[in-house]
């Protein structure tokens, strides 16, 4: 979907439809992580291990803009 958006201008008739689909998919992924995956992870790891995992993820968590195409 991101590649599709990259190839379109914002005034293209398909642009808003693709953005809406992308928003839906991202929201679904976030819901799955928050409601299913993170609780399973929290239940299976000690607080210390969760803290270690958090320390590993923090440096890359804010770099989405570095890997996604930005116009």
Protein backbone atom coordinates (compact mmCIF):
# COMPACT_ATOMS: atom_id res chain seq x y z
CA UNK A 1 0.00 0.00 0.00
CA UNK A 2 2.83 2.40 0.73
CA UNK A 3 4.32 1.77 -2.68
CA UNK A 4 0.90 2.43 -4.22
CA UNK A 5 0.72 5.77 -2.39
CA UNK A 6 4.23 6.68 -3.40
CA UNK A 7 3.25 6.33 -7.04
CA UNK A 8 0.15 8.57 -6.72
CA UNK A 9 -0.45 12.27 -6.39
CA UNK A 10 -2.68 13.40 -3.53
CA UNK A 11 -5.34 14.51 -6.00
CA UNK A 12 -5.54 11.06 -7.62
CA UNK A 13 -9.00 9.48 -7.13
CA UNK A 14 -7.44 6.33 -5.62
CA UNK A 15 -5.30 8.21 -3.09
CA UNK A 16 -7.94 8.63 -0.37
CA UNK A 17 -9.13 5.02 -0.73
CA UNK A 18 -5.60 3.70 -0.29
CA UNK A 19 -4.99 5.99 2.70
CA UNK A 20 -8.22 4.74 4.30
CA UNK A 21 -7.17 1.10 3.74
CA UNK A 22 -3.74 1.83 5.19
CA UNK A 23 -5.26 3.51 8.25
CA UNK A 24 -7.54 0.50 8.77
CA UNK A 25 -4.66 -1.98 8.47
CA UNK A 26 -2.40 -0.02 10.82
CA UNK A 27 -5.20 0.31 13.39
CA UNK A 28 -5.89 -3.43 13.15
CA UNK A 29 -2.21 -4.21 13.68
CA UNK A 30 -2.06 -1.90 16.71
CA UNK A 31 -5.19 -3.52 18.20
CA UNK A 32 -3.71 -6.98 17.73
CA UNK A 33 -0.44 -5.96 19.36
CA UNK A 34 -2.11 -4.21 22.29
CA UNK A 35 -4.88 -6.76 22.90
CA UNK A 36 -3.16 -10.04 22.08
CA UNK A 37 0.59 -9.95 21.57
CA UNK A 38 1.70 -7.57 24.32
CA UNK A 39 -0.41 -9.26 27.02
CA UNK A 40 1.05 -12.65 26.00
CA UNK A 41 4.54 -11.21 26.12
CA UNK A 42 3.91 -9.62 29.53
CA UNK A 43 2.56 -12.92 30.87
CA UNK A 44 5.55 -14.90 29.65
CA UNK A 45 8.41 -12.57 30.65
CA UNK A 46 9.71 -11.27 33.91
CA UNK A 47 9.59 -7.51 34.53
CA UNK A 48 13.37 -7.45 34.13
CA UNK A 49 13.19 -9.18 30.73
CA UNK A 50 10.45 -6.78 29.58
CA UNK A 51 12.67 -3.87 30.61
CA UNK A 52 15.59 -5.36 28.64
CA UNK A 53 13.36 -5.77 25.58
CA UNK A 54 12.17 -2.19 25.95
CA UNK A 55 15.75 -0.95 26.06
CA UNK A 56 16.48 -2.82 22.82
CA UNK A 57 13.45 -1.42 21.03
CA UNK A 58 13.62 2.23 22.17
CA UNK A 59 16.52 3.22 19.89
CA UNK A 60 14.63 2.11 16.76
CA UNK A 61 11.05 2.83 17.82
CA UNK A 62 11.13 6.40 16.54
CA UNK A 63 12.78 5.66 13.20
CA UNK A 64 9.69 4.80 11.15
CA UNK A 65 10.23 7.93 9.08
CA UNK A 66 13.72 6.70 8.25
CA UNK A 67 12.43 3.57 6.53
CA UNK A 68 9.17 4.80 5.00
CA UNK A 69 9.12 6.97 1.92
CA UNK A 70 8.58 10.60 2.81
CA UNK A 71 7.58 13.21 0.27
